[in-house]
Amino acid sequence: MIGWLIGLIVFCILVAYCGVPVLWTRVFHLSSRRYTNKPGKVALTFDDGPHPEYTPQLLDVLKSCGVRATFFVIVDHALKYPEIVERMKAEGHEVQVHGERHLFVPFLHPVLTYRQSIGASRILQQRFGVLANVYRPTWGACNLATLFFLPRHDMHMLLWSVMVGDWRRTEPGELVRRVSDKLSDRAVIVLHDSDWSYGAERGAPLQVIAAIPEIVQAVRERGCDFALASECV
């Protein structure tokens, strides 16, 4: 009986710490945002980079399209390829926080949770001089510690309204169609500029890069312009 009661208590604690925050942010969209604050503005965002092969090619395409985007970077990657982060800054893009490493946040204890969010932000600010105050947890999933830490450090959580499975190799035309079908005023589009994360298929970002000009055209045909993550929260 005592063992059963202890097990039930532990289960309830885990649900409160890991499960409820995911429902709170992903399902009920509380303590996080998934749209921009400004009508007529769409945010184009990229997760998981920087990557030494794909991110420079993506930056080339964004430059040719005249679009500024937000890169939610993995700090370990950013420190390994600082020249790419510096290029992002120089070309008017925004650098924000995706985590110190690509970990599944709900199962992290509070110390690692802090490092994934607040700690990662401070590293980016100290190393690159950016105001990294917008956090997108890996896989968009957080825990109770995340919800405790962010407001106390003036950080905001931004998820997305448009996700199209681009971590799998998909024809550019199909990616454009999926984005267009979900596109709305004030949308936040999430794409990926790396294939290192769990579940990503090798070479998938090349299809994303090829789709960018038509995605940009689709946004502009809706009468929208582009916003950065800091303009969304």
C-alpha atoms as a PDB file:
ATOM      1  CA  MET A   1       0.000   0.000   0.000  1.00  0.00           C
ATOM      2  CA  ILE A   2       2.758   2.452   0.905  1.00  0.00           C
ATOM      3  CA  GLY A   3       4.698   1.568  -2.228  1.00  0.00           C
ATOM      4  CA  TRP A   4       1.606   2.141  -4.369  1.00  0.00           C
ATOM      5  CA  LEU A   5       1.010   5.509  -2.688  1.00  0.00           C
ATOM      6  CA  ILE A   6       4.628   6.584  -3.232  1.00  0.00           C
ATOM      7  CA  GLY A   7       4.381   5.559  -6.865  1.00  0.00           C
ATOM      8  CA  LEU A   8       1.204   7.583  -7.303  1.00  0.00           C
ATOM      9  CA  ILE A   9       2.822  10.644  -5.729  1.00  0.00           C
ATOM     10  CA  VAL A  10       5.872  10.324  -7.985  1.00  0.00           C
ATOM     11  CA  PHE A  11       3.620   9.926 -11.018  1.00  0.00           C
ATOM     12  CA  CYS A  12       1.633  13.039 -10.124  1.00  0.00           C
ATOM     13  CA  ILE A  13       4.838  15.037  -9.638  1.00  0.00           C
ATOM     14  CA  LEU A  14       6.139  13.927 -13.041  1.00  0.00           C
ATOM     15  CA  VAL A  15       2.856  14.824 -14.724  1.00  0.00           C
ATOM     16  CA  ALA A  16       2.900  18.264 -13.084  1.00  0.00           C
ATOM     17  CA  TYR A  17       6.568  18.862 -13.935  1.00  0.00           C
ATOM     18  CA  CYS A  18       6.734  17.363 -17.436  1.00  0.00           C
ATOM     19  CA  GLY A  19       3.262  16.901 -18.858  1.00  0.00           C
ATOM     20  CA  VAL A  20       1.140  19.835 -17.775  1.00  0.00           C
ATOM     21  CA  PRO A  21       3.582  22.502 -19.056  1.00  0.00           C
ATOM     22  CA  VAL A  22       3.545  20.909 -22.531  1.00  0.00           C
ATOM     23  CA  LEU A  23      -0.253  21.057 -22.588  1.00  0.00           C
ATOM     24  CA  TRP A  24      -0.131  24.592 -21.137  1.00  0.00           C
ATOM     25  CA  THR A  25       2.113  25.921 -23.919  1.00  0.00           C
ATOM     26  CA  ARG A  26       1.491  23.663 -26.938  1.00  0.00           C
ATOM     27  CA  VAL A  27      -2.227  22.965 -26.605  1.00  0.00           C
ATOM     28  CA  PHE A  28      -3.632  25.947 -24.703  1.00  0.00           C
ATOM     29  CA  HIS A  29      -0.964  28.389 -25.942  1.00  0.00           C
ATOM     30  CA  LEU A  30      -0.452  29.980 -22.546  1.00  0.00           C
ATOM     31  CA  SER A  31       2.891  31.443 -21.360  1.00  0.00           C
ATOM     32  CA  SER A  32       4.025  31.322 -24.989  1.00  0.00           C
ATOM     33  CA  ARG A  33       3.229  32.991 -28.288  1.00  0.00           C
ATOM     34  CA  ARG A  34       2.712  31.493 -31.728  1.00  0.00           C
ATOM     35  CA  TYR A  35       1.744  34.588 -33.735  1.00  0.00           C
ATOM     36  CA  THR A  36       3.339  37.979 -34.245  1.00  0.00           C
ATOM     37  CA  ASN A  37       1.972  41.020 -32.457  1.00  0.00           C
ATOM     38  CA  LYS A  38       1.627  43.039 -35.634  1.00  0.00           C
ATOM     39  CA  PRO A  39      -1.015  42.645 -38.352  1.00  0.00           C
ATOM     40  CA  GLY A  40       0.498  42.185 -41.782  1.00  0.00           C
ATOM     41  CA  LYS A  41       3.723  40.737 -40.384  1.00  0.00           C
ATOM     42  CA  VAL A  42       4.911  37.127 -40.757  1.00  0.00           C
ATOM     43  CA  ALA A  43       7.940  35.756 -38.904  1.00  0.00           C
ATOM     44  CA  LEU A  44      10.260  33.429 -40.804  1.00  0.00           C
ATOM     45  CA  THR A  45      12.280  31.408 -38.298  1.00  0.00           C
ATOM     46  CA  PHE A  46      14.867  28.630 -38.468  1.00  0.00           C
ATOM     47  CA  ASP A  47      15.789  26.101 -35.793  1.00  0.00           C
ATOM     48  CA  ASP A  48      18.738  23.833 -34.939  1.00  0.00           C
ATOM     49  CA  GLY A  49      21.651  25.624 -36.653  1.00  0.00           C
ATOM     50  CA  PRO A  50      24.017  27.003 -37.468  1.00  0.00           C
ATOM     51  CA  HIS A  51      25.239  24.314 -39.840  1.00  0.00           C
ATOM     52  CA  PRO A  52      28.472  24.870 -41.819  1.00  0.00           C
ATOM     53  CA  GLU A  53      27.009  23.620 -45.110  1.00  0.00           C
ATOM     54  CA  TYR A  54      23.369  24.637 -45.073  1.00  0.00           C
ATOM     55  CA  THR A  55      23.208  27.893 -43.120  1.00  0.00           C
ATOM     56  CA  PRO A  56      25.543  29.884 -45.415  1.00  0.00           C
ATOM     57  CA  GLN A  57      23.515  28.762 -48.439  1.00  0.00           C
ATOM     58  CA  LEU A  58      20.324  29.773 -46.666  1.00  0.00           C
ATOM     59  CA  LEU A  59      21.795  33.172 -45.839  1.00  0.00           C
ATOM     60  CA  ASP A  60      22.648  33.642 -49.518  1.00  0.00           C
ATOM     61  CA  VAL A  61      19.045  32.970 -50.531  1.00  0.00           C
ATOM     62  CA  LEU A  62      17.583  35.200 -47.815  1.00  0.00           C
ATOM     63  CA  LYS A  63      19.883  38.000 -48.923  1.00  0.00           C
ATOM     64  CA  SER A  64      18.815  37.626 -52.543  1.00  0.00           C
ATOM     65  CA  CYS A  65      15.156  37.749 -51.441  1.00  0.00           C
ATOM     66  CA  GLY A  66      15.691  40.786 -49.201  1.00  0.00           C
ATOM     67  CA  VAL A  67      14.318  39.000 -46.139  1.00  0.00           C
ATOM     68  CA  ARG A  68      15.406  39.150 -42.512  1.00  0.00           C
ATOM     69  CA  ALA A  69      14.776  36.021 -40.475  1.00  0.00           C
ATOM     70  CA  THR A  70      15.256  34.768 -36.927  1.00  0.00           C
ATOM     71  CA  PHE A  71      17.644  31.924 -36.192  1.00  0.00           C
ATOM     72  CA  PHE A  72      16.952  29.959 -33.024  1.00  0.00           C
ATOM     73  CA  VAL A  73      20.425  28.538 -32.587  1.00  0.00           C
ATOM     74  CA  ILE A  74      21.918  25.694 -30.601  1.00  0.00           C
ATOM     75  CA  VAL A  75      24.678  27.334 -28.555  1.00  0.00           C
ATOM     76  CA  ASP A  76      27.139  24.460 -28.979  1.00  0.00           C
ATOM     77  CA  HIS A  77      26.830  24.889 -32.761  1.00  0.00           C
ATOM     78  CA  ALA A  78      27.040  28.676 -32.568  1.00  0.00           C
ATOM     79  CA  LEU A  79      30.289  28.510 -30.603  1.00  0.00           C
ATOM     80  CA  LYS A  80      31.706  26.026 -33.093  1.00  0.00           C
ATOM     81  CA  TYR A  81      30.824  28.214 -36.095  1.00  0.00           C
ATOM     82  CA  PRO A  82      30.960  31.791 -34.785  1.00  0.00           C
ATOM     83  CA  GLU A  83      31.667  33.230 -38.232  1.00  0.00           C
ATOM     84  CA  ILE A  84      28.200  32.115 -39.368  1.00  0.00           C
ATOM     85  CA  VAL A  85      26.544  33.796 -36.385  1.00  0.00           C
ATOM     86  CA  GLU A  86      28.498  36.976 -37.084  1.00  0.00           C
ATOM     87  CA  ARG A  87      27.275  36.859 -40.672  1.00  0.00           C
ATOM     88  CA  MET A  88      23.675  36.486 -39.454  1.00  0.00           C
ATOM     89  CA  LYS A  89      24.101  39.635 -37.390  1.00  0.00           C
ATOM     90  CA  ALA A  90      25.844  41.570 -40.164  1.00  0.00           C
ATOM     91  CA  GLU A  91      23.034  40.817 -42.620  1.00  0.00           C
ATOM     92  CA  GLY A  92      20.279  41.973 -40.264  1.00  0.00           C
ATOM     93  CA  HIS A  93      18.991  38.643 -39.017  1.00  0.00           C
ATOM     94  CA  GLU A  94      18.147  37.940 -35.410  1.00  0.00           C
ATOM     95  CA  VAL A  95      19.886  35.348 -33.226  1.00  0.00           C
ATOM     96  CA  GLN A  96      17.750  33.795 -30.490  1.00  0.00           C
ATOM     97  CA  VAL A  97      17.827  30.799 -28.155  1.00  0.00           C
ATOM     98  CA  HIS A  98      16.984  27.202 -29.034  1.00  0.00           C
ATOM     99  CA  GLY A  99      19.087  25.651 -26.276  1.00  0.00           C
ATOM    100  CA  GLU A 100      22.607  24.869 -25.206  1.00  0.00           C
ATOM    101  CA  ARG A 101      22.226  21.441 -26.822  1.00  0.00           C
ATOM    102  CA  HIS A 102      19.361  19.740 -28.639  1.00  0.00           C
ATOM    103  CA  LEU A 103      17.810  18.036 -25.597  1.00  0.00           C
ATOM    104  CA  PHE A 104      14.230  17.091 -24.749  1.00  0.00           C
ATOM    105  CA  VAL A 105      13.449  19.704 -22.114  1.00  0.00           C
ATOM    106  CA  PRO A 106      10.469  18.150 -20.244  1.00  0.00           C
ATOM    107  CA  PHE A 107      12.710  15.443 -18.741  1.00  0.00           C
ATOM    108  CA  LEU A 108      15.523  17.800 -17.678  1.00  0.00           C
ATOM    109  CA  HIS A 109      16.049  18.660 -14.024  1.00  0.00           C
ATOM    110  CA  PRO A 110      15.931  22.382 -13.100  1.00  0.00           C
ATOM    111  CA  VAL A 111      19.704  22.974 -13.371  1.00  0.00           C
ATOM    112  CA  LEU A 112      19.886  21.647 -16.940  1.00  0.00           C
ATOM    113  CA  THR A 113      16.638  23.436 -17.760  1.00  0.00           C
ATOM    114  CA  TYR A 114      18.235  26.700 -16.646  1.00  0.00           C
ATOM    115  CA  ARG A 115      21.287  26.024 -18.808  1.00  0.00           C
ATOM    116  CA  GLN A 116      19.110  25.287 -21.831  1.00  0.00           C
ATOM    117  CA  SER A 117      17.297  28.605 -21.592  1.00  0.00           C
ATOM    118  CA  ILE A 118      18.776  31.326 -19.378  1.00  0.00           C
ATOM    119  CA  GLY A 119      22.322  29.977 -19.508  1.00  0.00           C
ATOM    120  CA  ALA A 120      22.218  29.658 -23.289  1.00  0.00           C
ATOM    121  CA  SER A 121      20.890  33.211 -23.586  1.00  0.00           C
ATOM    122  CA  ARG A 122      23.725  34.588 -21.479  1.00  0.00           C
ATOM    123  CA  ILE A 123      26.350  32.775 -23.532  1.00  0.00           C
ATOM    124  CA  LEU A 124      24.955  34.232 -26.748  1.00  0.00           C
ATOM    125  CA  GLN A 125      24.824  37.711 -25.266  1.00  0.00           C
ATOM    126  CA  GLN A 126      28.373  37.524 -23.891  1.00  0.00           C
ATOM    127  CA  ARG A 127      29.937  35.901 -26.956  1.00  0.00           C
ATOM    128  CA  PHE A 128      28.060  37.659 -29.760  1.00  0.00           C
ATOM    129  CA  GLY A 129      26.645  40.794 -28.145  1.00  0.00           C
ATOM    130  CA  VAL A 130      23.044  39.990 -29.036  1.00  0.00           C
ATOM    131  CA  LEU A 131      19.925  40.495 -26.943  1.00  0.00           C
ATOM    132  CA  ALA A 132      18.850  36.852 -26.846  1.00  0.00           C
ATOM    133  CA  ASN A 133      15.606  37.164 -24.904  1.00  0.00           C
ATOM    134  CA  VAL A 134      13.326  34.925 -26.979  1.00  0.00           C
ATOM    135  CA  TYR A 135      13.405  31.182 -26.331  1.00  0.00           C
ATOM    136  CA  ARG A 136      12.022  28.342 -28.405  1.00  0.00           C
ATOM    137  CA  PRO A 137      12.541  25.072 -26.538  1.00  0.00           C
ATOM    138  CA  THR A 138      13.689  22.136 -28.617  1.00  0.00           C
ATOM    139  CA  TRP A 139      10.690  20.266 -30.047  1.00  0.00           C
ATOM    140  CA  GLY A 140       8.627  23.120 -28.613  1.00  0.00           C
ATOM    141  CA  ALA A 141       8.294  21.275 -25.305  1.00  0.00           C
ATOM    142  CA  CYS A 142       9.074  22.680 -21.872  1.00  0.00           C
ATOM    143  CA  ASN A 143       8.728  21.779 -18.193  1.00  0.00           C
ATOM    144  CA  LEU A 144       7.617  23.519 -15.014  1.00  0.00           C
ATOM    145  CA  ALA A 145      11.116  24.880 -14.360  1.00  0.00           C
ATOM    146  CA  THR A 146      11.064  26.600 -17.773  1.00  0.00           C
ATOM    147  CA  LEU A 147       7.851  28.409 -16.903  1.00  0.00           C
ATOM    148  CA  PHE A 148       9.361  29.450 -13.584  1.00  0.00           C
ATOM    149  CA  PHE A 149      12.687  30.727 -14.958  1.00  0.00           C
ATOM    150  CA  LEU A 150      11.687  32.637 -18.108  1.00  0.00           C
ATOM    151  CA  PRO A 151       9.589  35.481 -16.655  1.00  0.00           C
ATOM    152  CA  ARG A 152      12.093  36.025 -13.855  1.00  0.00           C
ATOM    153  CA  HIS A 153      14.793  36.737 -16.437  1.00  0.00           C
ATOM    154  CA  ASP A 154      12.667  38.810 -18.843  1.00  0.00           C
ATOM    155  CA  MET A 155      12.622  36.090 -21.464  1.00  0.00           C
ATOM    156  CA  HIS A 156       9.712  35.102 -23.685  1.00  0.00           C
ATOM    157  CA  MET A 157       8.739  31.829 -25.332  1.00  0.00           C
ATOM    158  CA  LEU A 158       7.858  31.824 -29.034  1.00  0.00           C
ATOM    159  CA  LEU A 159       6.595  28.665 -30.726  1.00  0.00           C
ATOM    160  CA  TRP A 160       5.015  28.653 -34.204  1.00  0.00           C
ATOM    161  CA  SER A 161       1.773  28.567 -36.161  1.00  0.00           C
ATOM    162  CA  VAL A 162       3.177  26.978 -39.335  1.00  0.00           C
ATOM    163  CA  MET A 163       5.173  23.737 -39.236  1.00  0.00           C
ATOM    164  CA  VAL A 164       5.466  21.581 -42.360  1.00  0.00           C
ATOM    165  CA  GLY A 165       7.657  18.561 -41.538  1.00  0.00           C
ATOM    166  CA  ASP A 166      10.655  19.989 -43.368  1.00  0.00           C
ATOM    167  CA  TRP A 167      13.095  17.898 -41.288  1.00  0.00           C
ATOM    168  CA  ARG A 168      12.229  15.102 -43.731  1.00  0.00           C
ATOM    169  CA  ARG A 169      13.442  15.302 -47.326  1.00  0.00           C
ATOM    170  CA  THR A 170      10.473  16.832 -49.128  1.00  0.00           C
ATOM    171  CA  GLU A 171      10.257  18.330 -52.589  1.00  0.00           C
ATOM    172  CA  PRO A 172      10.494  22.145 -52.482  1.00  0.00           C
ATOM    173  CA  GLY A 173       7.174  22.533 -54.262  1.00  0.00           C
ATOM    174  CA  GLU A 174       5.454  20.412 -51.641  1.00  0.00           C
ATOM    175  CA  LEU A 175       7.010  22.483 -48.836  1.00  0.00           C
ATOM    176  CA  VAL A 176       5.734  25.657 -50.504  1.00  0.00           C
ATOM    177  CA  ARG A 177       2.255  24.144 -50.800  1.00  0.00           C
ATOM    178  CA  ARG A 178       2.202  23.133 -47.125  1.00  0.00           C
ATOM    179  CA  VAL A 179       3.346  26.570 -45.975  1.00  0.00           C
ATOM    180  CA  SER A 180       0.817  28.310 -48.233  1.00  0.00           C
ATOM    181  CA  ASP A 181      -2.028  26.132 -46.947  1.00  0.00           C
ATOM    182  CA  LYS A 182      -1.282  27.079 -43.324  1.00  0.00           C
ATOM    183  CA  LEU A 183      -0.229  30.664 -43.926  1.00  0.00           C
ATOM    184  CA  SER A 184      -2.197  33.437 -42.251  1.00  0.00           C
ATOM    185  CA  ASP A 185      -1.733  37.015 -41.166  1.00  0.00           C
ATOM    186  CA  ARG A 186       0.732  37.260 -38.224  1.00  0.00           C
ATOM    187  CA  ALA A 187       1.943  33.675 -38.788  1.00  0.00           C
ATOM    188  CA  VAL A 188       5.176  32.344 -37.335  1.00  0.00           C
ATOM    189  CA  ILE A 189       6.809  29.889 -39.754  1.00  0.00           C
ATOM    190  CA  VAL A 190       9.331  27.384 -38.423  1.00  0.00           C
ATOM    191  CA  LEU A 191      11.825  25.681 -40.724  1.00  0.00           C
ATOM    192  CA  HIS A 192      15.189  24.023 -40.085  1.00  0.00           C
ATOM    193  CA  ASP A 193      18.714  24.779 -41.308  1.00  0.00           C
ATOM    194  CA  SER A 194      20.372  21.674 -39.869  1.00  0.00           C
ATOM    195  CA  ASP A 195      20.003  17.899 -40.235  1.00  0.00           C
ATOM    196  CA  TRP A 196      21.918  16.997 -37.072  1.00  0.00           C
ATOM    197  CA  SER A 197      18.956  16.708 -34.715  1.00  0.00           C
ATOM    198  CA  TYR A 198      17.244  13.428 -33.871  1.00  0.00           C
ATOM    199  CA  GLY A 199      14.694  12.492 -36.522  1.00  0.00           C
ATOM    200  CA  ALA A 200      16.084  14.788 -39.222  1.00  0.00           C
ATOM    201  CA  GLU A 201      16.856  13.262 -42.595  1.00  0.00           C
ATOM    202  CA  ARG A 202      20.216  13.969 -44.176  1.00  0.00           C
ATOM    203  CA  GLY A 203      20.044  16.681 -46.792  1.00  0.00           C
ATOM    204  CA  ALA A 204      16.555  17.873 -45.863  1.00  0.00           C
ATOM    205  CA  PRO A 205      17.668  21.523 -45.422  1.00  0.00           C
ATOM    206  CA  LEU A 206      18.689  21.647 -49.087  1.00  0.00           C
ATOM    207  CA  GLN A 207      15.016  21.269 -50.009  1.00  0.00           C
ATOM    208  CA  VAL A 208      14.125  24.047 -47.560  1.00  0.00           C
ATOM    209  CA  ILE A 209      16.704  26.363 -49.108  1.00  0.00           C
ATOM    210  CA  ALA A 210      15.329  25.681 -52.585  1.00  0.00           C
ATOM    211  CA  ALA A 211      11.799  26.466 -51.378  1.00  0.00           C
ATOM    212  CA  ILE A 212      12.589  29.820 -49.733  1.00  0.00           C
ATOM    213  CA  PRO A 213      12.070  32.110 -52.770  1.00  0.00           C
ATOM    214  CA  GLU A 214       8.567  30.739 -53.389  1.00  0.00           C
ATOM    215  CA  ILE A 215       7.716  30.823 -49.684  1.00  0.00           C
ATOM    216  CA  VAL A 216       8.770  34.475 -49.579  1.00  0.00           C
ATOM    217  CA  GLN A 217       6.666  35.149 -52.679  1.00  0.00           C
ATOM    218  CA  ALA A 218       3.653  33.440 -51.079  1.00  0.00           C
ATOM    219  CA  VAL A 219       3.961  35.641 -47.984  1.00  0.00           C
ATOM    220  CA  ARG A 220       4.234  38.799 -50.047  1.00  0.00           C
ATOM    221  CA  GLU A 221       1.307  37.821 -52.249  1.00  0.00           C
ATOM    222  CA  ARG A 222      -0.784  37.770 -49.050  1.00  0.00           C
ATOM    223  CA  GLY A 223       0.160  41.427 -48.582  1.00  0.00           C
ATOM    224  CA  CYS A 224       2.446  40.641 -45.651  1.00  0.00           C
ATOM    225  CA  ASP A 225       5.980  41.644 -44.771  1.00  0.00           C
ATOM    226  CA  PHE A 226       8.493  39.929 -42.475  1.00  0.00           C
ATOM    227  CA  ALA A 227       9.065  40.401 -38.753  1.00  0.00           C
ATOM    228  CA  LEU A 228      11.738  39.231 -36.338  1.00  0.00           C
ATOM    229  CA  ALA A 229      11.075  37.146 -33.250  1.00  0.00           C
ATOM    230  CA  SER A 230      11.641  40.088 -30.899  1.00  0.00           C
ATOM    231  CA  GLU A 231       8.775  41.866 -32.672  1.00  0.00           C
ATOM    232  CA  CYS A 232       6.434  38.946 -31.945  1.00  0.00           C
ATOM    233  CA  VAL A 233       6.492  38.779 -28.144  1.00  0.00           C
END
